[in-house]
């Protein structure tokens, strides 16, 4: 899995860090903080992930231990502990020739994929209730292409360049009227069949 270490992203290569992150609540916290740039308390984060403030506080401390979040400067009287992301994206970049790193990568990516698939399932379920404008532009698309490794790399770079100007974190304060948060997933990988 790869995502933007070149744009304020955090590179994750240590299997121990991957295992620590491979928890749905922790991924939700990191994703929210990376996407928004928000500064939050454990109580605010608890509402986001549906856990108690004490459980969320534990997860925030664990994420901080691995450099994925950090304490932010106080927003007021200093009694409130607030947290922020250490980057705006994650890039999983493990040595896949190392069995422990490969296993940790698979476990972490499985949690991310399940999160993304659940978003897609929710979209399909609510699609009939959406306005025609949004119903017509939402899509789930699958194509089989025939590419070299260099062509796939170039395609990925082009898609990244196309989506970059619309990143939520940078655009949310200046988005045009009618803009909504949209999840874009791009997966490209060699097929195990040659037909």
N, C-alpha and C. Protein backbone atom coordinates (compact mmCIF):
# COMPACT_ATOMS: atom_id res chain seq x y z
N UNK A 1 0.86 -1.17 0.00
CA UNK A 1 0.00 0.00 0.00
C UNK A 1 0.89 1.22 0.00
N UNK A 2 0.51 2.16 -0.75
CA UNK A 2 1.35 3.33 -0.88
C UNK A 2 0.47 4.56 -0.86
N UNK A 3 0.89 5.54 -0.13
CA UNK A 3 0.18 6.81 -0.13
C UNK A 3 1.15 7.87 0.31
N UNK A 4 1.21 8.89 -0.35
CA UNK A 4 1.87 10.15 -0.24
C UNK A 4 2.95 10.46 0.75
N UNK A 5 4.00 9.69 0.89
CA UNK A 5 5.06 10.15 1.75
C UNK A 5 5.69 11.43 1.22
N UNK A 6 5.56 11.69 -0.07
CA UNK A 6 6.12 12.89 -0.65
C UNK A 6 5.33 14.14 -0.36
N UNK A 7 4.17 14.04 0.23
CA UNK A 7 3.36 15.22 0.51
C UNK A 7 3.00 15.29 1.99
N UNK A 8 3.98 15.20 2.81
CA UNK A 8 3.75 15.27 4.25
C UNK A 8 3.33 13.95 4.84
N UNK A 9 3.60 12.87 4.11
CA UNK A 9 3.19 11.56 4.57
C UNK A 9 4.21 10.94 5.51
N UNK A 10 3.73 9.98 6.27
CA UNK A 10 4.56 9.23 7.19
C UNK A 10 4.84 7.87 6.57
N UNK A 11 6.09 7.53 6.45
CA UNK A 11 6.50 6.24 5.89
C UNK A 11 6.52 5.21 7.01
N UNK A 12 5.84 4.08 6.78
CA UNK A 12 5.80 3.00 7.77
C UNK A 12 6.48 1.79 7.17
N UNK A 13 7.57 1.36 7.81
CA UNK A 13 8.27 0.18 7.32
C UNK A 13 8.48 -0.85 8.43
N UNK A 14 8.35 -0.46 9.66
CA UNK A 14 8.58 -1.33 10.81
C UNK A 14 7.35 -2.21 11.06
N UNK A 15 7.52 -3.54 11.04
CA UNK A 15 6.38 -4.42 11.28
C UNK A 15 5.67 -4.15 12.61
N UNK A 16 6.41 -3.75 13.62
CA UNK A 16 5.80 -3.46 14.92
C UNK A 16 4.85 -2.26 14.81
N UNK A 17 5.23 -1.25 14.04
CA UNK A 17 4.36 -0.08 13.84
C UNK A 17 3.12 -0.50 13.04
N UNK A 18 3.32 -1.33 12.03
CA UNK A 18 2.17 -1.80 11.24
C UNK A 18 1.20 -2.58 12.10
N UNK A 19 1.72 -3.44 12.97
CA UNK A 19 0.83 -4.22 13.84
C UNK A 19 0.10 -3.30 14.82
N UNK A 20 0.78 -2.27 15.30
CA UNK A 20 0.13 -1.32 16.22
C UNK A 20 -0.98 -0.55 15.53
N UNK A 21 -0.80 -0.23 14.26
CA UNK A 21 -1.80 0.54 13.52
C UNK A 21 -2.96 -0.33 13.04
N UNK A 22 -2.75 -1.64 12.90
CA UNK A 22 -3.75 -2.54 12.31
C UNK A 22 -4.93 -2.80 13.25
N UNK A 23 -5.56 -1.75 13.66
CA UNK A 23 -6.75 -1.81 14.53
C UNK A 23 -7.74 -0.81 13.95
N UNK A 24 -8.98 -1.19 13.75
CA UNK A 24 -9.93 -0.28 13.10
C UNK A 24 -10.05 1.09 13.76
N UNK A 25 -10.04 1.15 15.08
CA UNK A 25 -10.16 2.45 15.76
C UNK A 25 -8.91 3.30 15.52
N UNK A 26 -7.76 2.68 15.55
CA UNK A 26 -6.52 3.44 15.33
C UNK A 26 -6.44 3.95 13.90
N UNK A 27 -6.83 3.12 12.96
CA UNK A 27 -6.83 3.58 11.58
C UNK A 27 -7.81 4.73 11.41
N UNK A 28 -8.98 4.62 12.02
CA UNK A 28 -9.97 5.70 11.92
C UNK A 28 -9.43 7.00 12.50
N UNK A 29 -8.73 6.92 13.62
CA UNK A 29 -8.16 8.11 14.25
C UNK A 29 -7.10 8.73 13.34
N UNK A 30 -6.16 7.92 12.89
CA UNK A 30 -5.07 8.43 12.06
C UNK A 30 -5.63 9.00 10.75
N UNK A 31 -6.56 8.28 10.15
CA UNK A 31 -7.14 8.75 8.89
C UNK A 31 -7.84 10.10 9.09
N UNK A 32 -8.61 10.22 10.15
CA UNK A 32 -9.31 11.48 10.42
C UNK A 32 -8.31 12.62 10.63
N UNK A 33 -7.32 12.40 11.46
CA UNK A 33 -6.34 13.46 11.73
C UNK A 33 -5.52 13.80 10.49
N UNK A 34 -5.12 12.78 9.72
CA UNK A 34 -4.36 13.04 8.49
C UNK A 34 -5.20 13.81 7.48
N UNK A 35 -6.45 13.41 7.32
CA UNK A 35 -7.32 14.04 6.32
C UNK A 35 -7.71 15.46 6.68
N UNK A 36 -7.89 15.73 7.97
CA UNK A 36 -8.43 17.03 8.37
C UNK A 36 -7.39 18.00 8.89
N UNK A 37 -6.32 17.49 9.46
CA UNK A 37 -5.36 18.36 10.13
C UNK A 37 -5.90 18.87 11.46
N UNK A 38 -6.98 18.25 11.94
CA UNK A 38 -7.64 18.69 13.18
C UNK A 38 -6.76 18.42 14.40
N UNK A 39 -7.06 19.15 15.44
CA UNK A 39 -6.48 18.94 16.76
C UNK A 39 -7.64 18.52 17.65
N UNK A 40 -7.51 17.34 18.28
CA UNK A 40 -8.64 16.76 19.01
C UNK A 40 -8.23 16.24 20.37
N UNK A 41 -9.23 16.13 21.24
CA UNK A 41 -9.05 15.48 22.54
C UNK A 41 -9.47 14.02 22.41
N UNK A 42 -9.16 13.23 23.42
CA UNK A 42 -9.60 11.83 23.43
C UNK A 42 -11.12 11.76 23.44
N UNK A 43 -11.78 12.69 24.12
CA UNK A 43 -13.24 12.70 24.17
C UNK A 43 -13.82 12.96 22.79
N UNK A 44 -13.27 13.92 22.07
CA UNK A 44 -13.74 14.21 20.71
C UNK A 44 -13.50 13.02 19.79
N UNK A 45 -12.35 12.39 19.94
CA UNK A 45 -12.02 11.25 19.12
C UNK A 45 -12.90 10.05 19.46
N UNK A 46 -13.29 9.92 20.72
CA UNK A 46 -14.17 8.82 21.14
C UNK A 46 -15.49 8.87 20.38
N UNK A 47 -16.02 10.06 20.18
CA UNK A 47 -17.26 10.22 19.42
C UNK A 47 -17.06 9.74 17.98
N UNK A 48 -15.91 10.00 17.43
CA UNK A 48 -15.59 9.61 16.06
C UNK A 48 -15.53 8.10 15.88
N UNK A 49 -14.92 7.39 16.82
CA UNK A 49 -14.69 5.95 16.67
C UNK A 49 -15.64 5.09 17.49
N UNK A 50 -16.51 5.70 18.28
CA UNK A 50 -17.50 4.93 19.04
C UNK A 50 -16.93 4.17 20.22
N UNK A 51 -15.89 4.70 20.83
CA UNK A 51 -15.31 4.08 22.02
C UNK A 51 -15.38 5.06 23.18
N UNK A 52 -15.03 4.60 24.36
CA UNK A 52 -14.99 5.49 25.52
C UNK A 52 -13.78 6.42 25.42
N UNK A 53 -13.84 7.57 26.07
CA UNK A 53 -12.67 8.46 26.07
C UNK A 53 -11.41 7.79 26.63
N UNK A 54 -11.57 6.93 27.63
CA UNK A 54 -10.38 6.27 28.19
C UNK A 54 -9.77 5.29 27.19
N UNK A 55 -10.61 4.54 26.47
CA UNK A 55 -10.09 3.63 25.44
C UNK A 55 -9.42 4.42 24.33
N UNK A 56 -10.04 5.52 23.93
CA UNK A 56 -9.47 6.33 22.85
C UNK A 56 -8.16 6.98 23.30
N UNK A 57 -8.10 7.38 24.55
CA UNK A 57 -6.87 7.95 25.09
C UNK A 57 -5.73 6.93 25.01
N UNK A 58 -6.04 5.69 25.34
CA UNK A 58 -5.04 4.62 25.22
C UNK A 58 -4.56 4.48 23.78
N UNK A 59 -5.51 4.46 22.83
CA UNK A 59 -5.13 4.32 21.42
C UNK A 59 -4.29 5.51 20.96
N UNK A 60 -4.63 6.71 21.38
CA UNK A 60 -3.85 7.89 21.02
C UNK A 60 -2.43 7.80 21.56
N UNK A 61 -2.28 7.35 22.81
CA UNK A 61 -0.94 7.19 23.38
C UNK A 61 -0.13 6.14 22.62
N UNK A 62 -0.78 5.04 22.23
CA UNK A 62 -0.09 4.01 21.45
C UNK A 62 0.33 4.55 20.08
N UNK A 63 -0.55 5.28 19.43
CA UNK A 63 -0.22 5.88 18.14
C UNK A 63 0.94 6.87 18.28
N UNK A 64 0.96 7.62 19.38
CA UNK A 64 2.05 8.56 19.62
C UNK A 64 3.37 7.83 19.85
N UNK A 65 3.29 6.71 20.54
CA UNK A 65 4.50 5.92 20.80
C UNK A 65 5.18 5.52 19.50
N UNK A 66 4.41 5.33 18.44
CA UNK A 66 4.96 4.93 17.15
C UNK A 66 5.09 6.08 16.16
N UNK A 67 4.90 7.30 16.63
CA UNK A 67 5.13 8.47 15.79
C UNK A 67 4.04 8.77 14.78
N UNK A 68 2.84 8.22 14.97
CA UNK A 68 1.75 8.44 14.02
C UNK A 68 0.87 9.62 14.41
N UNK A 69 0.85 9.97 15.68
CA UNK A 69 0.21 11.20 16.17
C UNK A 69 1.13 11.79 17.22
N UNK A 70 0.83 13.02 17.61
CA UNK A 70 1.63 13.67 18.65
C UNK A 70 0.74 14.61 19.44
N UNK A 71 1.20 14.93 20.65
CA UNK A 71 0.47 15.92 21.42
C UNK A 71 0.63 17.27 20.74
N UNK A 72 -0.46 18.02 20.71
CA UNK A 72 -0.45 19.35 20.10
C UNK A 72 -0.41 20.39 21.21
N UNK A 73 -0.02 21.61 20.88
CA UNK A 73 -0.06 22.67 21.88
C UNK A 73 -1.49 22.84 22.40
N UNK A 74 -1.59 23.18 23.65
CA UNK A 74 -2.89 23.34 24.30
C UNK A 74 -3.75 24.38 23.60
N UNK A 75 -5.04 24.16 23.60
CA UNK A 75 -5.99 25.11 23.00
C UNK A 75 -6.52 26.10 24.02
N UNK A 76 -6.08 25.98 25.25
CA UNK A 76 -6.65 26.87 26.26
C UNK A 76 -5.83 26.90 27.51
N UNK A 77 -6.41 26.38 28.59
CA UNK A 77 -5.77 26.51 29.90
C UNK A 77 -4.68 25.47 30.17
N UNK A 78 -4.44 24.59 29.27
CA UNK A 78 -3.35 23.63 29.42
C UNK A 78 -3.75 22.35 30.12
N UNK A 79 -4.95 22.27 30.66
CA UNK A 79 -5.38 21.05 31.34
C UNK A 79 -5.86 19.99 30.35
N UNK A 80 -6.24 20.44 29.19
CA UNK A 80 -6.79 19.55 28.19
C UNK A 80 -5.66 19.01 27.31
N UNK A 81 -5.56 17.69 27.16
CA UNK A 81 -4.55 17.08 26.31
C UNK A 81 -5.14 16.96 24.90
N UNK A 82 -4.45 17.57 23.93
CA UNK A 82 -4.93 17.52 22.56
C UNK A 82 -3.88 16.86 21.67
N UNK A 83 -4.38 16.26 20.58
CA UNK A 83 -3.56 15.46 19.70
C UNK A 83 -3.72 15.92 18.27
N UNK A 84 -2.68 15.66 17.45
CA UNK A 84 -2.73 15.97 16.02
C UNK A 84 -1.91 14.91 15.27
N UNK A 85 -2.08 14.89 13.97
CA UNK A 85 -1.33 13.94 13.15
C UNK A 85 0.10 14.42 13.00
N UNK A 86 0.97 13.50 12.66
CA UNK A 86 2.35 13.86 12.37
C UNK A 86 2.59 13.99 10.86
N UNK A 87 1.55 13.75 10.08
CA UNK A 87 1.65 13.87 8.62
C UNK A 87 0.27 14.00 8.03
N UNK A 88 0.22 14.01 6.72
CA UNK A 88 -1.08 14.13 6.05
C UNK A 88 -1.44 12.86 5.28
N UNK A 89 -0.59 11.85 5.35
CA UNK A 89 -0.85 10.59 4.65
C UNK A 89 0.06 9.53 5.24
N UNK A 90 -0.22 8.29 4.90
CA UNK A 90 0.62 7.17 5.30
C UNK A 90 1.15 6.48 4.06
N UNK A 91 2.34 5.96 4.18
CA UNK A 91 2.90 5.14 3.10
C UNK A 91 3.49 3.89 3.73
N UNK A 92 2.89 2.75 3.46
CA UNK A 92 3.39 1.48 3.95
C UNK A 92 4.47 1.03 2.97
N UNK A 93 5.67 0.90 3.46
CA UNK A 93 6.83 0.64 2.61
C UNK A 93 7.76 -0.35 3.31
N UNK A 94 7.27 -1.56 3.49
CA UNK A 94 8.03 -2.57 4.23
C UNK A 94 8.90 -3.39 3.29
N UNK A 95 9.88 -4.05 3.85
CA UNK A 95 10.71 -4.99 3.10
C UNK A 95 9.93 -6.29 2.98
N UNK A 96 9.28 -6.48 1.84
CA UNK A 96 8.39 -7.63 1.65
C UNK A 96 9.14 -8.94 1.51
N UNK A 97 10.47 -8.88 1.42
CA UNK A 97 11.27 -10.11 1.42
C UNK A 97 11.47 -10.63 2.84
N UNK A 98 11.16 -9.80 3.82
CA UNK A 98 11.25 -10.18 5.23
C UNK A 98 9.88 -10.72 5.66
N UNK A 99 9.79 -12.01 6.08
CA UNK A 99 8.49 -12.61 6.39
C UNK A 99 7.65 -11.84 7.42
N UNK A 100 8.28 -11.34 8.47
CA UNK A 100 7.51 -10.61 9.48
C UNK A 100 6.95 -9.31 8.92
N UNK A 101 7.73 -8.64 8.10
CA UNK A 101 7.26 -7.39 7.48
C UNK A 101 6.15 -7.67 6.48
N UNK A 102 6.29 -8.74 5.71
CA UNK A 102 5.26 -9.10 4.73
C UNK A 102 3.95 -9.44 5.45
N UNK A 103 4.02 -10.21 6.52
CA UNK A 103 2.82 -10.58 7.27
C UNK A 103 2.16 -9.36 7.90
N UNK A 104 2.96 -8.45 8.46
CA UNK A 104 2.41 -7.24 9.07
C UNK A 104 1.77 -6.34 8.01
N UNK A 105 2.38 -6.28 6.83
CA UNK A 105 1.81 -5.49 5.74
C UNK A 105 0.46 -6.05 5.33
N UNK A 106 0.38 -7.36 5.17
CA UNK A 106 -0.89 -7.99 4.79
C UNK A 106 -1.95 -7.69 5.83
N UNK A 107 -1.64 -7.84 7.11
CA UNK A 107 -2.62 -7.60 8.17
C UNK A 107 -3.10 -6.15 8.16
N UNK A 108 -2.18 -5.21 8.00
CA UNK A 108 -2.55 -3.79 7.98
C UNK A 108 -3.39 -3.45 6.76
N UNK A 109 -2.96 -3.89 5.60
CA UNK A 109 -3.69 -3.58 4.38
C UNK A 109 -5.08 -4.21 4.40
N UNK A 110 -5.22 -5.39 5.00
CA UNK A 110 -6.54 -6.02 5.14
C UNK A 110 -7.50 -5.11 5.90
N UNK A 111 -7.03 -4.47 6.96
CA UNK A 111 -7.89 -3.57 7.74
C UNK A 111 -8.27 -2.35 6.89
N UNK A 112 -7.30 -1.79 6.16
CA UNK A 112 -7.60 -0.66 5.28
C UNK A 112 -8.61 -1.05 4.21
N UNK A 113 -8.40 -2.22 3.59
CA UNK A 113 -9.31 -2.66 2.53
C UNK A 113 -10.72 -2.89 3.07
N UNK A 114 -10.83 -3.47 4.23
CA UNK A 114 -12.16 -3.68 4.81
C UNK A 114 -12.85 -2.34 5.08
N UNK A 115 -12.10 -1.37 5.53
CA UNK A 115 -12.65 -0.03 5.77
C UNK A 115 -13.14 0.59 4.46
N UNK A 116 -12.33 0.46 3.41
CA UNK A 116 -12.71 1.01 2.11
C UNK A 116 -13.92 0.28 1.52
N UNK A 117 -13.95 -1.04 1.66
CA UNK A 117 -15.08 -1.80 1.13
C UNK A 117 -16.37 -1.48 1.89
N UNK A 118 -16.26 -1.25 3.18
CA UNK A 118 -17.45 -0.87 3.96
C UNK A 118 -17.98 0.49 3.49
N UNK A 119 -17.10 1.41 3.17
CA UNK A 119 -17.54 2.70 2.62
C UNK A 119 -18.29 2.49 1.30
N UNK A 120 -17.76 1.62 0.44
CA UNK A 120 -18.41 1.34 -0.84
C UNK A 120 -19.78 0.69 -0.61
N UNK A 121 -19.85 -0.23 0.33
CA UNK A 121 -21.14 -0.87 0.64
C UNK A 121 -22.17 0.15 1.13
N UNK A 122 -21.73 1.06 1.98
CA UNK A 122 -22.65 2.11 2.48
C UNK A 122 -23.13 2.99 1.33
N UNK A 123 -22.23 3.31 0.39
CA UNK A 123 -22.61 4.12 -0.77
C UNK A 123 -23.69 3.40 -1.58
N UNK A 124 -23.50 2.13 -1.86
CA UNK A 124 -24.47 1.36 -2.65
C UNK A 124 -25.82 1.36 -1.96
N UNK A 125 -25.82 1.20 -0.64
CA UNK A 125 -27.09 1.16 0.10
C UNK A 125 -27.79 2.51 0.11
N UNK A 126 -27.05 3.58 0.20
CA UNK A 126 -27.70 4.90 0.29
C UNK A 126 -27.86 5.58 -1.07
N UNK A 127 -27.32 4.99 -2.12
CA UNK A 127 -27.36 5.59 -3.44
C UNK A 127 -28.78 5.96 -3.88
N UNK A 128 -29.81 5.11 -3.66
CA UNK A 128 -31.16 5.50 -4.08
C UNK A 128 -31.68 6.77 -3.40
N UNK A 129 -31.18 7.06 -2.20
CA UNK A 129 -31.65 8.24 -1.48
C UNK A 129 -30.85 9.50 -1.83
N UNK A 130 -29.78 9.34 -2.57
CA UNK A 130 -28.96 10.49 -2.97
C UNK A 130 -29.66 11.29 -4.06
N UNK A 131 -29.26 12.55 -4.19
CA UNK A 131 -29.79 13.36 -5.28
C UNK A 131 -29.32 12.78 -6.60
N UNK A 132 -30.06 13.04 -7.66
CA UNK A 132 -29.69 12.51 -8.97
C UNK A 132 -28.30 13.00 -9.38
N UNK A 133 -27.99 14.24 -9.02
CA UNK A 133 -26.68 14.81 -9.34
C UNK A 133 -25.55 13.94 -8.80
N UNK A 134 -25.64 13.56 -7.52
CA UNK A 134 -24.59 12.77 -6.89
C UNK A 134 -24.69 11.30 -7.28
N UNK A 135 -25.90 10.80 -7.45
CA UNK A 135 -26.08 9.40 -7.85
C UNK A 135 -25.41 9.14 -9.19
N UNK A 136 -25.50 10.10 -10.10
CA UNK A 136 -24.94 9.93 -11.44
C UNK A 136 -23.42 10.04 -11.51
N UNK A 137 -22.80 10.68 -10.53
CA UNK A 137 -21.34 10.84 -10.61
C UNK A 137 -20.59 9.86 -9.72
N UNK A 138 -21.26 9.26 -8.75
CA UNK A 138 -20.60 8.23 -7.95
C UNK A 138 -20.37 7.01 -8.82
N UNK A 139 -19.25 6.34 -8.63
CA UNK A 139 -18.99 5.18 -9.49
C UNK A 139 -18.11 4.17 -8.79
N UNK A 140 -18.29 2.94 -9.18
CA UNK A 140 -17.39 1.85 -8.84
C UNK A 140 -17.00 1.26 -10.18
N UNK A 141 -15.75 1.34 -10.52
CA UNK A 141 -15.30 0.98 -11.86
C UNK A 141 -14.18 -0.05 -11.77
N UNK A 142 -14.24 -1.04 -12.61
CA UNK A 142 -13.20 -2.04 -12.65
C UNK A 142 -12.86 -2.32 -14.11
N UNK A 143 -11.59 -2.23 -14.42
CA UNK A 143 -11.12 -2.49 -15.79
C UNK A 143 -9.89 -3.37 -15.72
N UNK A 144 -9.73 -4.19 -16.71
CA UNK A 144 -8.51 -4.98 -16.82
C UNK A 144 -7.66 -4.34 -17.91
N UNK A 145 -6.45 -3.92 -17.56
CA UNK A 145 -5.55 -3.25 -18.49
C UNK A 145 -4.37 -4.17 -18.79
N UNK A 146 -3.65 -3.85 -19.82
CA UNK A 146 -2.44 -4.58 -20.17
C UNK A 146 -1.30 -3.57 -20.17
N UNK A 147 -0.44 -3.63 -19.15
CA UNK A 147 0.59 -2.61 -18.93
C UNK A 147 1.92 -3.23 -18.57
N UNK A 148 2.97 -2.48 -18.82
CA UNK A 148 4.29 -2.83 -18.28
C UNK A 148 4.36 -2.20 -16.89
N UNK A 149 5.37 -2.59 -16.11
CA UNK A 149 5.56 -2.00 -14.79
C UNK A 149 5.78 -0.49 -14.90
N UNK A 150 6.54 -0.04 -15.89
CA UNK A 150 6.77 1.39 -16.08
C UNK A 150 5.48 2.13 -16.44
N UNK A 151 4.66 1.51 -17.28
CA UNK A 151 3.38 2.14 -17.64
C UNK A 151 2.45 2.23 -16.43
N UNK A 152 2.44 1.20 -15.60
CA UNK A 152 1.60 1.24 -14.40
C UNK A 152 2.09 2.34 -13.45
N UNK A 153 3.40 2.46 -13.29
CA UNK A 153 3.95 3.52 -12.45
C UNK A 153 3.54 4.89 -12.99
N UNK A 154 3.64 5.09 -14.29
CA UNK A 154 3.27 6.37 -14.90
C UNK A 154 1.77 6.64 -14.74
N UNK A 155 0.94 5.61 -14.89
CA UNK A 155 -0.50 5.77 -14.71
C UNK A 155 -0.81 6.20 -13.29
N UNK A 156 -0.18 5.55 -12.31
CA UNK A 156 -0.38 5.91 -10.91
C UNK A 156 0.01 7.37 -10.67
N UNK A 157 1.14 7.79 -11.19
CA UNK A 157 1.60 9.17 -11.02
C UNK A 157 0.62 10.16 -11.64
N UNK A 158 0.06 9.83 -12.80
CA UNK A 158 -0.91 10.71 -13.45
C UNK A 158 -2.20 10.81 -12.63
N UNK A 159 -2.65 9.70 -12.13
CA UNK A 159 -3.87 9.72 -11.30
C UNK A 159 -3.63 10.52 -10.03
N UNK A 160 -2.49 10.32 -9.40
CA UNK A 160 -2.16 11.09 -8.20
C UNK A 160 -2.14 12.59 -8.51
N UNK A 161 -1.54 12.97 -9.64
CA UNK A 161 -1.48 14.39 -10.03
C UNK A 161 -2.88 14.95 -10.28
N UNK A 162 -3.77 14.13 -10.86
CA UNK A 162 -5.15 14.59 -11.11
C UNK A 162 -5.91 14.83 -9.82
N UNK A 163 -5.70 13.99 -8.81
CA UNK A 163 -6.47 14.11 -7.56
C UNK A 163 -5.86 15.10 -6.56
N UNK A 164 -4.58 15.36 -6.69
CA UNK A 164 -3.87 16.21 -5.72
C UNK A 164 -4.55 17.56 -5.43
N UNK A 165 -5.03 18.30 -6.43
CA UNK A 165 -5.64 19.60 -6.14
C UNK A 165 -6.92 19.54 -5.31
N UNK A 166 -7.48 18.34 -5.17
CA UNK A 166 -8.76 18.20 -4.48
C UNK A 166 -8.64 17.59 -3.10
N UNK A 167 -7.43 17.41 -2.59
CA UNK A 167 -7.24 16.77 -1.28
C UNK A 167 -8.02 17.52 -0.21
N UNK A 168 -8.76 16.77 0.59
CA UNK A 168 -9.66 17.31 1.61
C UNK A 168 -8.95 18.27 2.55
N UNK A 169 -7.84 17.86 3.11
CA UNK A 169 -7.14 18.64 4.13
C UNK A 169 -6.79 20.04 3.63
N UNK A 170 -6.30 20.13 2.41
CA UNK A 170 -5.88 21.41 1.87
C UNK A 170 -7.04 22.24 1.33
N UNK A 171 -8.10 21.59 0.91
CA UNK A 171 -9.16 22.30 0.20
C UNK A 171 -10.39 22.62 1.05
N UNK A 172 -10.52 22.00 2.21
CA UNK A 172 -11.78 22.09 2.94
C UNK A 172 -12.17 23.50 3.34
N UNK A 173 -11.23 24.37 3.57
CA UNK A 173 -11.57 25.75 3.96
C UNK A 173 -11.96 26.62 2.77
N UNK A 174 -11.59 26.21 1.55
CA UNK A 174 -11.86 27.01 0.35
C UNK A 174 -12.67 26.26 -0.70
N UNK A 175 -13.33 25.21 -0.31
CA UNK A 175 -14.07 24.40 -1.29
C UNK A 175 -15.26 25.18 -1.83
N UNK A 176 -15.60 24.97 -3.10
CA UNK A 176 -16.75 25.66 -3.67
C UNK A 176 -18.06 25.16 -3.05
N UNK A 177 -19.11 25.97 -3.16
CA UNK A 177 -20.42 25.57 -2.68
C UNK A 177 -20.83 24.26 -3.32
N UNK A 178 -21.43 23.39 -2.54
CA UNK A 178 -21.89 22.10 -3.05
C UNK A 178 -20.85 21.00 -3.01
N UNK A 179 -19.62 21.31 -2.61
CA UNK A 179 -18.58 20.29 -2.54
C UNK A 179 -18.85 19.36 -1.36
N UNK A 180 -18.60 18.08 -1.56
CA UNK A 180 -18.75 17.07 -0.51
C UNK A 180 -17.46 16.27 -0.41
N UNK A 181 -17.25 15.67 0.74
CA UNK A 181 -16.13 14.74 0.88
C UNK A 181 -16.41 13.53 0.00
N UNK A 182 -15.43 13.13 -0.77
CA UNK A 182 -15.55 12.01 -1.69
C UNK A 182 -14.35 11.10 -1.48
N UNK A 183 -14.59 9.82 -1.34
CA UNK A 183 -13.49 8.85 -1.21
C UNK A 183 -13.15 8.34 -2.60
N UNK A 184 -11.88 8.43 -2.95
CA UNK A 184 -11.40 7.90 -4.21
C UNK A 184 -10.39 6.82 -3.88
N UNK A 185 -10.66 5.62 -4.32
CA UNK A 185 -9.74 4.50 -4.13
C UNK A 185 -9.23 4.08 -5.49
N UNK A 186 -7.94 3.95 -5.59
CA UNK A 186 -7.33 3.47 -6.82
C UNK A 186 -6.48 2.28 -6.44
N UNK A 187 -6.83 1.14 -6.98
CA UNK A 187 -6.03 -0.06 -6.75
C UNK A 187 -5.55 -0.55 -8.10
N UNK A 188 -4.30 -0.80 -8.21
CA UNK A 188 -3.74 -1.33 -9.46
C UNK A 188 -2.67 -2.35 -9.09
N UNK A 189 -2.85 -3.55 -9.57
CA UNK A 189 -1.92 -4.61 -9.23
C UNK A 189 -1.94 -5.66 -10.33
N UNK A 190 -0.84 -6.37 -10.51
CA UNK A 190 -0.81 -7.40 -11.53
C UNK A 190 -1.82 -8.51 -11.21
N UNK A 191 -2.51 -8.95 -12.23
CA UNK A 191 -3.47 -10.04 -12.11
C UNK A 191 -2.69 -11.35 -11.99
N UNK A 192 -3.26 -12.32 -11.32
CA UNK A 192 -2.56 -13.61 -11.21
C UNK A 192 -2.85 -14.50 -12.41
N UNK A 193 -3.73 -14.04 -13.30
CA UNK A 193 -4.01 -14.78 -14.53
C UNK A 193 -3.54 -13.94 -15.72
N UNK A 194 -3.12 -14.57 -16.76
CA UNK A 194 -2.62 -13.83 -17.92
C UNK A 194 -3.67 -13.67 -19.00
N UNK A 195 -4.92 -14.02 -18.70
CA UNK A 195 -5.97 -13.87 -19.72
C UNK A 195 -6.94 -12.80 -19.33
